[in-house]
Amino acid sequence: MNETEKKLNPRDMELDKIQLREPFNTLFEIKPEVLGAIEKDMREHGYDRGQPIVLWKGKKVIVDGHTRYQAAQLVPLTTVTVIERPFEDEDEAFDYAVHHQRDRRNLTDGEIRRLVQMVHERKARGGDRKSKEAKSKASGEAFDRERGKGAEKTAKKLGVSTSKVERALAVNACADEATKRAVDSGEMTLFQADEQLREMRREEDKEKNARRFNKVASGIDWAGWSWSPVVGCARGCKYCYASDRAMRQKIDFDKPRLYEERLGVPERMGDPRGTGVKDRAVFVCSMGDLFGKGVKRKWIESVLEAVRKAPKWRFVFLTKNPRRLVDIKWPRNAWVGVTTDTQKRADAAVKWFKQFKHRPSVTFVSCEPMVRPITFRGELGVIDWLAIGGRTKTTKMPAMQPKWRWVEDLLIEARDAGVRVYFKPNLTVRPEQLPGRRSAPKKQDHKDVRLRTVGESLPTDGNAGKVEGEVSARRGHARLAGGSK
C-alpha cells in the first residue's frame, strides 16, 4: 500500500457487499498458483491489511484486487480490508487498474493481446460500456485503423513496445480463434502469430495479383488501377511511399523481382467496363521502377508484350531512369513519364525525350515531390502533360509543400508550350497574396498568359493540345478567372 492509499483510510468491509463488474474482472487472468499461495497465507495469518482491495468509491466495485477477493471467498473470510478511490469515470478507473497490474507482473503475450483488444474496443465505442452491437463492431474493423499514433499511446499505457501492440492489433483483427487461444496459452508468441498472418497475406496477395489489377487509392484520380509485375527499386529515395509499404509487408524492396504469374493479368481482365480516364488507366509498377537498376531488359519486354495484348486499357509508366526509354518500341496504349524532382532530372528528361526512336501516344513529367524550383528552359514542348505534387510524409521524410512561385513558373512554362497541367491531390499550396501598395512590374512580368484548367487537365491519346476551361494569371499578380482548383 503506497502513501496515497494510506490517506484513503483502509477499512474492513463485508465480502458479500463487494461487487464484480466488467471490464475490471476480466482484465487479467487469475493464475492458479498465485491464487493458491494467497489462499494458503490467508488461512494461516488472516487477511493482510497492508494489501487492501481497491474499490470504486460509491459503487463498491472492485477495480484492483480480484485475486485477493477470490482467495478470501475460498478460505472463506467474511470481511476484507478495502480502500475506496474516487474515479471520474470508467476510463479513469480502467487506466488505474491497468497501470497497477502492469507494474506488479511481467505481462505475457496473451495478456497483452487481451489488454490491447480491450483498450481499442473502448476507443472504438467511445469509452464506457455501450451496446453489444458497438462492441462487436469495435472488435473487428477498428483494430487496423488504430496503428501509428494509436499504437504508440496504447504501448505507453501498457508499458510495452509499439511493435508489440501492432502485432497484437494484427492478431486481434485477422487471426482465427485458435491462433488467439494459442497466444493466450503461451503456445505461440505474438511475433509468431503475426508472422503467420503475414505469410498468409502474402499468399493471398500472390493469388489475387495473379488474377486481376488492384484498385488504386481514392486520392489518385488519374488512374483507377495498378499492376505490379515487377516490384522493387534499388534507388533508395527517402520520400518513397512504396518503400514504406514494402517495409510493412516485409518485402525485400532493394532488389527488383519479376512476378511472372502477374504477366497474364491484362489479358485476363478483359475489356474495361467504363470509358472514363479512371476506368481504363492502369498505373504500371506502382511498387517499383520498371526501368530502374537491376531490372532485366527481358522483364521489360515481357511487360510490354502483356500491354500489347490488352489494347483497350491505357498503361501509365513512370521512371527516374529515362535513358532506358529511348529505344523501346512503345505500344499505342502506353503513357510514358519521368519523375523530375530535381533540376538535374528535369534536364535529363528533356534530353532523353528528344532522342526517343518510337514516341508513345503520351509523354509526361511528374514534378513530385517538388521541393525546389524547376525549369525546363523553354523545352517543355517535348512532352504532352505536366503533373505537379508536394511531398507526402514517409517514415524518413516529413511532408512538404513547394512555394507557390515555383508552381506558378511551371504553369507559365506549360502554357507557353501548350502542355496540359495536373495538380496531384497532395499539392495544397495556393497563392496567398494580400492587397497593398503596388509596385511597378518589371518589364518581363507584363506578359499575360492563359492557363487552362490548371488543376485537372489530362491529355488525350495522341491529342494532348486540347484544353478545357481557363484561368487567367498575370505573373507577380495572380488573377484567377472562374476560381482555382
Protein backbone atom coordinates (compact mmCIF):
# COMPACT_ATOMS: atom_id res chain seq x y z
CA MET A 1 0.00 0.00 0.00
CA ASN A 2 1.53 3.34 -1.05
CA GLU A 3 1.31 6.67 0.79
CA THR A 4 -1.64 7.88 -1.26
CA GLU A 5 -3.64 4.76 -0.43
CA LYS A 6 -2.83 5.11 3.30
CA LYS A 7 -4.52 8.52 3.21
CA LEU A 8 -7.71 6.93 1.87
CA ASN A 9 -8.36 5.28 5.28
CA PRO A 10 -8.39 1.49 4.76
CA ARG A 11 -11.34 -0.17 6.48
CA ASP A 12 -12.96 -3.55 6.77
CA MET A 13 -15.97 -4.42 4.63
CA GLU A 14 -18.20 -7.47 4.45
CA LEU A 15 -17.27 -9.63 1.49
CA ASP A 16 -20.84 -10.03 0.24
CA LYS A 17 -21.23 -6.24 -0.20
CA ILE A 18 -18.42 -6.06 -2.73
CA GLN A 19 -19.36 -6.18 -6.44
CA LEU A 20 -17.64 -7.52 -9.53
CA ARG A 21 -18.07 -5.81 -12.89
CA GLU A 22 -16.62 -5.79 -16.38
CA PRO A 23 -14.18 -4.71 -17.63
CA PHE A 24 -12.25 -4.88 -14.35
CA ASN A 25 -12.90 -8.54 -13.50
CA THR A 26 -11.74 -9.70 -16.95
CA LEU A 27 -8.65 -7.51 -17.34
CA PHE A 28 -6.18 -10.13 -16.09
CA GLU A 29 -6.41 -13.88 -15.76
CA ILE A 30 -6.18 -15.13 -12.18
CA LYS A 31 -3.25 -17.55 -12.08
CA PRO A 32 -3.97 -20.72 -10.07
CA GLU A 33 -0.52 -20.84 -8.43
CA VAL A 34 -0.81 -17.22 -7.24
CA LEU A 35 -4.37 -17.77 -6.02
CA GLY A 36 -3.30 -20.89 -4.12
CA ALA A 37 -0.41 -19.11 -2.41
CA ILE A 38 -2.60 -16.19 -1.29
CA GLU A 39 -5.34 -18.54 -0.06
CA LYS A 40 -2.81 -20.51 1.99
CA ASP A 41 -1.42 -17.32 3.55
CA MET A 42 -4.93 -16.12 4.45
CA ARG A 43 -5.76 -19.44 6.14
CA GLU A 44 -2.64 -19.21 8.27
CA HIS A 45 -2.48 -15.48 9.03
CA GLY A 46 -5.82 -13.97 8.08
CA TYR A 47 -6.23 -11.06 5.65
CA ASP A 48 -3.14 -8.86 5.18
CA ARG A 49 -4.37 -5.31 5.91
CA GLY A 50 -1.35 -3.93 4.06
CA GLN A 51 -2.85 -5.25 0.79
CA PRO A 52 -6.35 -3.72 0.64
CA ILE A 53 -8.75 -4.35 -2.22
CA VAL A 54 -9.31 -1.14 -4.21
CA LEU A 55 -12.97 -0.24 -4.76
CA TRP A 56 -14.59 2.46 -6.88
CA LYS A 57 -15.90 4.88 -4.28
CA GLY A 58 -19.69 4.97 -4.12
CA LYS A 59 -20.09 1.88 -6.32
CA LYS A 60 -18.31 -0.79 -4.23
CA VAL A 61 -16.95 -2.27 -7.49
CA ILE A 62 -13.52 -3.92 -7.39
CA VAL A 63 -11.04 -2.03 -9.57
CA ASP A 64 -7.91 -3.80 -8.31
CA GLY A 65 -7.56 -6.93 -6.12
CA HIS A 66 -9.61 -9.65 -7.77
CA THR A 67 -7.19 -12.45 -6.82
CA ARG A 68 -7.30 -11.44 -3.14
CA TYR A 69 -11.09 -11.26 -3.30
CA GLN A 70 -11.36 -14.77 -4.77
CA ALA A 71 -8.88 -16.17 -2.21
CA ALA A 72 -10.97 -14.65 0.60
CA GLN A 73 -14.04 -16.40 -0.78
CA LEU A 74 -12.22 -19.74 -0.81
CA VAL A 75 -10.96 -19.54 2.81
CA PRO A 76 -13.75 -18.35 3.47
CA LEU A 77 -13.49 -14.92 5.11
CA THR A 78 -16.47 -12.73 5.94
CA THR A 79 -14.61 -9.40 5.82
CA VAL A 80 -11.61 -7.98 3.96
CA THR A 81 -9.69 -4.72 4.07
CA VAL A 82 -10.62 -2.21 1.36
CA ILE A 83 -9.94 1.35 0.30
CA GLU A 84 -12.38 3.37 -1.81
CA ARG A 85 -10.88 5.59 -4.50
CA PRO A 86 -12.86 8.23 -6.38
CA PHE A 87 -12.79 7.98 -10.18
CA GLU A 88 -14.40 10.44 -12.57
CA ASP A 89 -15.49 7.73 -14.98
CA GLU A 90 -14.84 4.17 -16.08
CA ASP A 91 -11.94 5.24 -18.31
CA GLU A 92 -10.03 6.65 -15.34
CA ALA A 93 -10.74 3.54 -13.28
CA PHE A 94 -9.71 1.31 -16.20
CA ASP A 95 -6.40 3.14 -16.64
CA TYR A 96 -5.70 2.86 -12.89
CA ALA A 97 -6.28 -0.90 -12.91
CA VAL A 98 -4.07 -1.45 -15.95
CA HIS A 99 -1.27 0.72 -14.58
CA HIS A 100 -1.15 -1.00 -11.19
CA GLN A 101 -1.33 -4.52 -12.58
CA ARG A 102 1.35 -3.97 -15.23
CA ASP A 103 3.76 -2.76 -12.55
CA ARG A 104 3.23 -5.92 -10.47
CA ARG A 105 3.72 -8.54 -13.15
CA ASN A 106 5.56 -9.30 -16.37
CA LEU A 107 2.76 -9.19 -18.90
CA THR A 108 2.51 -12.31 -21.03
CA ASP A 109 1.79 -12.03 -24.77
CA GLY A 110 -1.69 -13.39 -24.09
CA GLU A 111 -2.35 -10.68 -21.51
CA ILE A 112 -1.02 -8.03 -23.88
CA ARG A 113 -3.28 -9.30 -26.66
CA ARG A 114 -6.39 -9.16 -24.46
CA LEU A 115 -5.48 -5.76 -23.00
CA VAL A 116 -4.89 -4.27 -26.46
CA GLN A 117 -8.26 -5.65 -27.53
CA MET A 118 -10.00 -4.06 -24.54
CA VAL A 119 -8.23 -0.70 -24.95
CA HIS A 120 -9.08 -0.41 -28.63
CA GLU A 121 -12.64 -1.64 -28.22
CA ARG A 122 -13.10 1.15 -25.70
CA LYS A 123 -11.65 3.70 -28.14
CA ALA A 124 -13.88 2.49 -30.95
CA ARG A 125 -17.09 2.77 -28.94
CA GLY A 126 -16.21 5.96 -27.10
CA GLY A 127 -15.02 4.77 -23.68
CA ASP A 128 -17.58 3.49 -21.18
CA ARG A 129 -19.64 0.42 -21.87
CA LYS A 130 -22.11 0.69 -24.72
CA SER A 131 -24.22 -1.82 -26.59
CA LYS A 132 -23.11 -5.32 -27.54
CA GLU A 133 -23.55 -4.28 -31.17
CA ALA A 134 -21.00 -1.48 -30.75
CA LYS A 135 -18.60 -3.88 -29.03
CA SER A 136 -18.89 -6.38 -31.86
CA LYS A 137 -18.21 -3.71 -34.46
CA ALA A 138 -15.25 -2.38 -32.50
CA SER A 139 -13.67 -5.80 -32.16
CA GLY A 140 -13.48 -6.17 -35.92
CA GLU A 141 -12.76 -3.29 -38.24
CA ALA A 142 -11.43 -0.77 -35.71
CA PHE A 143 -8.15 -2.52 -34.96
CA ASP A 144 -6.42 -1.92 -38.27
CA ARG A 145 -7.25 1.79 -38.14
CA GLU A 146 -5.51 2.16 -34.77
CA ARG A 147 -1.94 1.74 -35.95
CA GLY A 148 0.61 4.54 -35.78
CA LYS A 149 -0.10 7.08 -33.05
CA GLY A 150 -2.91 4.95 -31.62
CA ALA A 151 -0.50 2.05 -31.14
CA GLU A 152 2.09 4.35 -29.54
CA LYS A 153 -0.43 5.60 -26.99
CA THR A 154 -1.56 2.09 -26.13
CA ALA A 155 2.06 0.93 -25.79
CA LYS A 156 2.74 3.73 -23.34
CA LYS A 157 -0.38 2.87 -21.35
CA LEU A 158 0.59 -0.81 -21.10
CA GLY A 159 4.32 -0.27 -20.67
CA VAL A 160 5.27 -2.37 -23.72
CA SER A 161 6.81 -1.65 -27.14
CA THR A 162 4.82 -0.16 -30.02
CA SER A 163 5.73 -3.12 -32.25
CA LYS A 164 4.27 -5.50 -29.67
CA VAL A 165 1.00 -3.56 -29.71
CA GLU A 166 0.90 -3.50 -33.52
CA ARG A 167 1.35 -7.27 -33.60
CA ALA A 168 -1.46 -7.64 -31.08
CA LEU A 169 -3.67 -5.40 -33.24
CA ALA A 170 -2.98 -7.57 -36.27
CA VAL A 171 -3.72 -10.79 -34.38
CA ASN A 172 -6.93 -9.38 -32.90
CA ALA A 173 -8.12 -8.13 -36.28
CA CYS A 174 -7.16 -11.03 -38.55
CA ALA A 175 -6.30 -14.22 -36.65
CA ASP A 176 -8.77 -17.02 -36.06
CA GLU A 177 -9.87 -18.01 -32.57
CA ALA A 178 -7.50 -21.00 -32.46
CA THR A 179 -4.50 -18.70 -33.01
CA LYS A 180 -5.71 -16.29 -30.33
CA ARG A 181 -6.09 -19.18 -27.87
CA ALA A 182 -2.57 -20.35 -28.73
CA VAL A 183 -1.20 -16.88 -27.90
CA ASP A 184 -3.23 -16.69 -24.68
CA SER A 185 -1.99 -20.10 -23.52
CA GLY A 186 1.65 -19.35 -24.34
CA GLU A 187 1.91 -21.94 -27.13
CA MET A 188 2.61 -19.15 -29.63
CA THR A 189 4.13 -15.68 -29.24
CA LEU A 190 2.62 -12.55 -30.74
CA PHE A 191 5.60 -12.38 -33.08
CA GLN A 192 4.97 -15.92 -34.35
CA ALA A 193 1.25 -15.29 -34.77
CA ASP A 194 1.90 -12.04 -36.67
CA GLU A 195 4.45 -13.73 -38.95
CA GLN A 196 1.93 -16.47 -39.68
CA LEU A 197 -0.64 -13.83 -40.67
CA ARG A 198 1.87 -12.03 -42.88
CA GLU A 199 2.70 -15.22 -44.71
CA MET A 200 -1.00 -15.93 -45.23
CA ARG A 201 -1.50 -12.41 -46.60
CA ARG A 202 1.48 -12.82 -48.93
CA GLU A 203 -0.03 -15.99 -50.34
CA GLU A 204 -3.44 -14.35 -50.68
CA ASP A 205 -1.92 -11.30 -52.40
CA LYS A 206 0.06 -13.55 -54.72
CA GLU A 207 -3.11 -15.34 -55.77
CA LYS A 208 -5.14 -12.12 -56.07
CA ASN A 209 -2.47 -10.23 -58.01
CA ALA A 210 -2.21 -13.10 -60.46
CA ARG A 211 -5.93 -12.73 -61.28
CA ARG A 212 -6.63 -9.00 -61.64
CA PHE A 213 -5.46 -5.40 -61.39
CA ASN A 214 -5.58 -3.72 -58.00
CA LYS A 215 -7.89 -0.81 -57.27
CA VAL A 216 -5.85 2.30 -56.51
CA ALA A 217 -6.32 4.59 -53.51
CA SER A 218 -9.10 7.16 -53.73
CA GLY A 219 -6.54 10.00 -53.68
CA ILE A 220 -5.37 9.10 -57.21
CA ASP A 221 -7.89 10.24 -59.81
CA TRP A 222 -5.82 9.87 -62.99
CA ALA A 223 -5.78 6.05 -62.80
CA GLY A 224 -8.28 3.60 -61.40
CA TRP A 225 -6.00 0.58 -61.32
CA SER A 226 -2.46 -0.52 -60.56
CA TRP A 227 -0.50 -3.54 -61.77
CA SER A 228 2.92 -4.54 -60.43
CA PRO A 229 4.50 -7.37 -62.42
CA VAL A 230 7.87 -6.07 -61.18
CA VAL A 231 8.30 -4.99 -57.54
CA GLY A 232 11.31 -3.22 -56.08
CA CYS A 233 13.70 -0.35 -56.70
CA ALA A 234 17.38 -0.01 -55.83
CA ARG A 235 17.39 3.80 -55.81
CA GLY A 236 16.56 4.26 -52.11
CA CYS A 237 14.70 7.61 -52.19
CA LYS A 238 13.79 8.75 -48.68
CA TYR A 239 10.37 10.06 -49.75
CA CYS A 240 9.31 6.77 -51.39
CA TYR A 241 5.87 5.61 -50.22
CA ALA A 242 6.36 2.24 -51.94
CA SER A 243 9.45 1.56 -49.84
CA ASP A 244 7.45 2.23 -46.67
CA ARG A 245 4.70 -0.10 -47.80
CA ALA A 246 7.20 -2.81 -48.71
CA MET A 247 8.84 -2.49 -45.29
CA ARG A 248 5.47 -3.05 -43.60
CA GLN A 249 4.89 -6.09 -45.81
CA LYS A 250 8.46 -7.33 -45.25
CA ILE A 251 9.31 -7.27 -48.96
CA ASP A 252 12.97 -7.01 -49.98
CA PHE A 253 12.36 -3.77 -51.88
CA ASP A 254 16.00 -3.00 -52.77
CA LYS A 255 16.17 -6.00 -55.12
CA PRO A 256 13.67 -5.79 -58.05
CA ARG A 257 11.79 -9.01 -58.70
CA LEU A 258 9.63 -10.21 -61.58
CA TYR A 259 6.33 -11.92 -60.69
CA GLU A 260 5.75 -13.98 -63.81
CA GLU A 261 2.30 -15.11 -62.68
CA ARG A 262 1.12 -11.47 -62.96
CA LEU A 263 2.07 -11.06 -66.63
CA GLY A 264 -1.20 -12.61 -67.78
CA VAL A 265 -3.39 -10.23 -65.76
CA PRO A 266 -4.05 -7.60 -68.52
CA GLU A 267 -5.36 -10.25 -70.91
CA ARG A 268 -7.40 -11.95 -68.14
CA MET A 269 -9.06 -8.66 -67.17
CA GLY A 270 -10.91 -8.45 -70.49
CA ASP A 271 -12.18 -5.07 -71.66
CA PRO A 272 -12.65 -2.11 -69.29
CA ARG A 273 -16.22 -1.71 -68.08
CA GLY A 274 -16.20 2.07 -68.50
CA THR A 275 -14.74 4.65 -70.86
CA GLY A 276 -13.58 7.29 -68.37
CA VAL A 277 -9.96 8.04 -67.53
CA LYS A 278 -10.00 6.07 -64.29
CA ASP A 279 -11.89 3.16 -65.84
CA ARG A 280 -9.18 2.46 -68.41
CA ALA A 281 -5.93 3.77 -66.87
CA VAL A 282 -3.53 1.34 -65.17
CA PHE A 283 -0.51 2.56 -63.21
CA VAL A 284 2.27 0.07 -64.04
CA CYS A 285 4.71 -0.95 -61.29
CA SER A 286 3.44 1.41 -58.60
CA MET A 287 5.60 -0.66 -56.22
CA GLY A 288 8.86 -0.21 -58.13
CA ASP A 289 10.61 1.21 -61.17
CA LEU A 290 10.29 -0.99 -64.25
CA PHE A 291 13.27 0.76 -65.85
CA GLY A 292 15.45 1.02 -62.77
CA LYS A 293 18.77 -0.61 -61.93
CA GLY A 294 18.54 -4.38 -61.55
CA VAL A 295 15.53 -4.81 -63.87
CA LYS A 296 16.42 -7.06 -66.79
CA ARG A 297 15.57 -5.99 -70.34
CA LYS A 298 13.70 -9.24 -70.93
CA TRP A 299 11.45 -8.41 -67.96
CA ILE A 300 10.61 -5.07 -69.56
CA GLU A 301 9.83 -6.73 -72.89
CA SER A 302 7.59 -9.26 -71.14
CA VAL A 303 5.61 -6.46 -69.50
CA LEU A 304 5.27 -4.53 -72.79
CA GLU A 305 4.09 -7.67 -74.57
CA ALA A 306 1.38 -8.08 -71.92
CA VAL A 307 0.38 -4.44 -72.51
CA ARG A 308 0.01 -5.04 -76.26
CA LYS A 309 -2.40 -7.90 -75.55
CA ALA A 310 -4.80 -5.51 -73.79
CA PRO A 311 -5.20 -2.64 -76.31
CA LYS A 312 -8.36 -1.19 -74.74
CA TRP A 313 -6.59 -0.44 -71.48
CA ARG A 314 -4.24 2.56 -71.06
CA PHE A 315 -1.00 1.74 -69.24
CA VAL A 316 0.89 4.52 -67.43
CA PHE A 317 4.64 4.08 -66.91
CA LEU A 318 6.79 6.28 -64.65
CA THR A 319 10.55 6.10 -64.07
CA LYS A 320 13.56 8.04 -62.84
CA ASN A 321 15.78 6.40 -65.43
CA PRO A 322 14.75 7.88 -68.83
CA ARG A 323 17.90 6.66 -70.57
CA ARG A 324 16.33 3.18 -70.85
CA LEU A 325 13.18 4.52 -72.55
CA VAL A 326 14.83 5.78 -75.72
CA ASP A 327 14.94 2.72 -77.99
CA ILE A 328 11.77 0.97 -76.81
CA LYS A 329 9.04 0.39 -79.37
CA TRP A 330 6.11 1.55 -77.31
CA PRO A 331 2.63 0.05 -77.59
CA ARG A 332 -0.03 2.54 -78.74
CA ASN A 333 -1.80 2.29 -75.38
CA ALA A 334 1.21 3.43 -73.32
CA TRP A 335 1.68 6.72 -71.50
CA VAL A 336 5.34 7.20 -70.54
CA GLY A 337 6.57 9.59 -67.87
CA VAL A 338 9.68 10.61 -65.97
CA THR A 339 9.89 11.81 -62.36
CA THR A 340 11.67 15.18 -62.24
CA ASP A 341 12.05 16.10 -58.58
CA THR A 342 15.35 17.96 -59.18
CA GLN A 343 16.70 20.26 -61.88
CA LYS A 344 19.21 17.59 -62.90
CA ARG A 345 16.41 15.09 -63.53
CA ALA A 346 14.38 17.72 -65.41
CA ASP A 347 17.32 18.34 -67.73
CA ALA A 348 17.83 14.60 -68.22
CA ALA A 349 14.14 14.08 -69.01
CA VAL A 350 14.24 16.71 -71.77
CA LYS A 351 17.47 15.27 -73.18
CA TRP A 352 16.20 11.71 -73.45
CA PHE A 353 12.66 12.56 -74.58
CA LYS A 354 14.24 14.31 -77.57
CA GLN A 355 16.02 11.09 -78.52
CA PHE A 356 13.01 8.76 -78.48
CA LYS A 357 13.04 6.49 -81.53
CA HIS A 358 9.39 5.48 -81.10
CA ARG A 359 7.25 8.13 -79.42
CA PRO A 360 4.43 6.88 -77.14
CA SER A 361 0.90 8.29 -77.50
CA VAL A 362 1.51 10.49 -74.42
CA THR A 363 4.73 11.60 -72.73
CA PHE A 364 4.79 13.42 -69.42
CA VAL A 365 6.88 14.53 -66.47
CA SER A 366 5.89 14.31 -62.82
CA CYS A 367 7.38 17.05 -60.63
CA GLU A 368 6.67 15.18 -57.42
CA PRO A 369 7.85 15.88 -54.88
CA MET A 370 8.58 19.45 -55.93
CA VAL A 371 11.00 20.51 -53.20
CA ARG A 372 12.92 23.20 -55.10
CA PRO A 373 12.42 25.40 -58.19
CA ILE A 374 12.50 23.55 -61.51
CA THR A 375 12.57 24.91 -65.04
CA PHE A 376 12.51 23.12 -68.39
CA ARG A 377 14.37 26.03 -70.05
CA GLY A 378 11.73 26.61 -72.72
CA GLU A 379 11.76 22.99 -73.90
CA LEU A 380 8.66 21.66 -72.17
CA GLY A 381 7.13 21.13 -75.61
CA VAL A 382 8.85 17.74 -75.83
CA ILE A 383 6.11 16.37 -73.55
CA ASP A 384 2.30 16.35 -73.55
CA TRP A 385 1.48 16.53 -69.87
CA LEU A 386 2.93 18.03 -66.67
CA ALA A 387 1.97 16.76 -63.19
CA ILE A 388 2.96 18.69 -60.05
CA GLY A 389 2.85 17.39 -56.48
CA GLY A 390 4.07 18.06 -52.97
CA ARG A 391 5.96 15.67 -50.71
CA THR A 392 3.88 13.21 -48.71
CA LYS A 393 5.10 12.20 -45.27
CA THR A 394 7.05 8.94 -45.05
CA THR A 395 8.94 7.24 -42.23
CA LYS A 396 12.11 9.03 -43.35
CA MET A 397 10.86 12.43 -44.52
CA PRO A 398 8.27 14.99 -43.35
CA ALA A 399 5.55 16.31 -45.64
CA MET A 400 6.41 19.43 -47.61
CA GLN A 401 4.71 21.86 -50.00
CA PRO A 402 6.54 23.80 -52.73
CA LYS A 403 6.38 27.58 -52.84
CA TRP A 404 3.56 28.93 -54.98
CA ARG A 405 6.02 30.89 -57.15
CA TRP A 406 7.76 27.65 -58.13
CA VAL A 407 4.42 26.16 -59.17
CA GLU A 408 3.34 29.34 -60.99
CA ASP A 409 6.55 29.45 -63.00
CA LEU A 410 5.96 25.89 -64.20
CA LEU A 411 2.34 26.71 -65.09
CA ILE A 412 3.54 29.59 -67.25
CA GLU A 413 6.11 27.35 -68.95
CA ALA A 414 3.40 24.79 -69.60
CA ARG A 415 1.05 27.36 -71.13
CA ASP A 416 3.78 28.69 -73.39
CA ALA A 417 4.44 25.14 -74.59
CA GLY A 418 0.74 24.16 -74.94
CA VAL A 419 1.15 21.43 -72.33
CA ARG A 420 -1.64 20.26 -70.07
CA VAL A 421 -1.15 20.54 -66.31
CA TYR A 422 -2.36 18.36 -63.46
CA PHE A 423 -2.19 19.13 -59.73
CA LYS A 424 -1.79 15.96 -57.71
CA PRO A 425 -4.00 15.59 -54.62
CA ASN A 426 -1.05 16.17 -52.27
CA LEU A 427 -0.37 19.62 -53.77
CA THR A 428 -2.22 22.04 -51.50
CA VAL A 429 -0.16 25.23 -51.88
CA ARG A 430 -2.13 28.20 -53.22
CA PRO A 431 -1.35 31.89 -53.85
CA GLU A 432 -1.73 33.92 -50.64
CA GLN A 433 -1.20 37.46 -51.87
CA LEU A 434 -2.89 40.31 -49.98
CA PRO A 435 -3.86 43.71 -51.38
CA GLY A 436 -1.47 46.55 -50.68
CA ARG A 437 0.70 49.12 -52.33
CA ARG A 438 1.53 48.04 -55.85
CA SER A 439 4.99 48.41 -57.24
CA ALA A 440 5.56 48.81 -60.95
CA PRO A 441 6.02 45.36 -62.50
CA LYS A 442 9.26 44.57 -64.18
CA LYS A 443 9.21 44.68 -67.95
CA GLN A 444 9.35 40.92 -68.34
CA ASP A 445 6.45 40.49 -65.92
CA HIS A 446 3.98 42.29 -68.23
CA LYS A 447 3.46 39.13 -70.18
CA ASP A 448 -0.15 37.93 -69.80
CA VAL A 449 -0.62 34.20 -70.06
CA ARG A 450 -3.68 31.98 -70.23
CA LEU A 451 -3.67 28.75 -68.21
CA ARG A 452 -6.29 26.11 -68.88
CA THR A 453 -7.87 24.04 -66.07
CA VAL A 454 -4.62 24.01 -64.17
CA GLY A 455 -5.94 21.65 -61.52
CA GLU A 456 -7.32 18.73 -63.50
CA SER A 457 -6.08 18.92 -67.08
CA LEU A 458 -5.39 15.49 -68.56
CA PRO A 459 -4.06 14.70 -72.03
CA THR A 460 -5.86 12.51 -74.51
CA ASP A 461 -4.14 9.82 -76.51
CA GLY A 462 -2.43 11.45 -79.48
CA ASN A 463 -4.15 14.82 -78.92
CA ALA A 464 -2.54 16.44 -75.92
CA GLY A 465 -3.03 20.02 -77.10
CA LYS A 466 -6.78 20.28 -76.40
CA VAL A 467 -7.74 22.05 -73.20
CA GLU A 468 -10.93 22.94 -71.33
CA GLY A 469 -11.90 25.93 -69.18
CA GLU A 470 -9.43 28.68 -68.50
CA VAL A 471 -7.60 30.56 -65.77
CA SER A 472 -6.06 33.98 -66.29
CA ALA A 473 -2.85 34.79 -64.46
CA ARG A 474 -0.51 37.74 -64.58
CA ARG A 475 2.95 36.97 -63.28
CA GLY A 476 3.53 38.66 -59.94
CA HIS A 477 -0.23 39.44 -59.53
CA ALA A 478 -2.03 36.08 -59.83
CA ARG A 479 -5.56 36.71 -61.12
CA LEU A 480 -7.76 33.63 -61.21
CA ALA A 481 -10.80 33.67 -63.50
CA GLY A 482 -13.56 31.24 -62.61
CA GLY A 483 -11.90 30.10 -59.38
CA SER A 484 -8.86 27.97 -58.71
CA LYS A 485 -8.58 24.27 -58.12
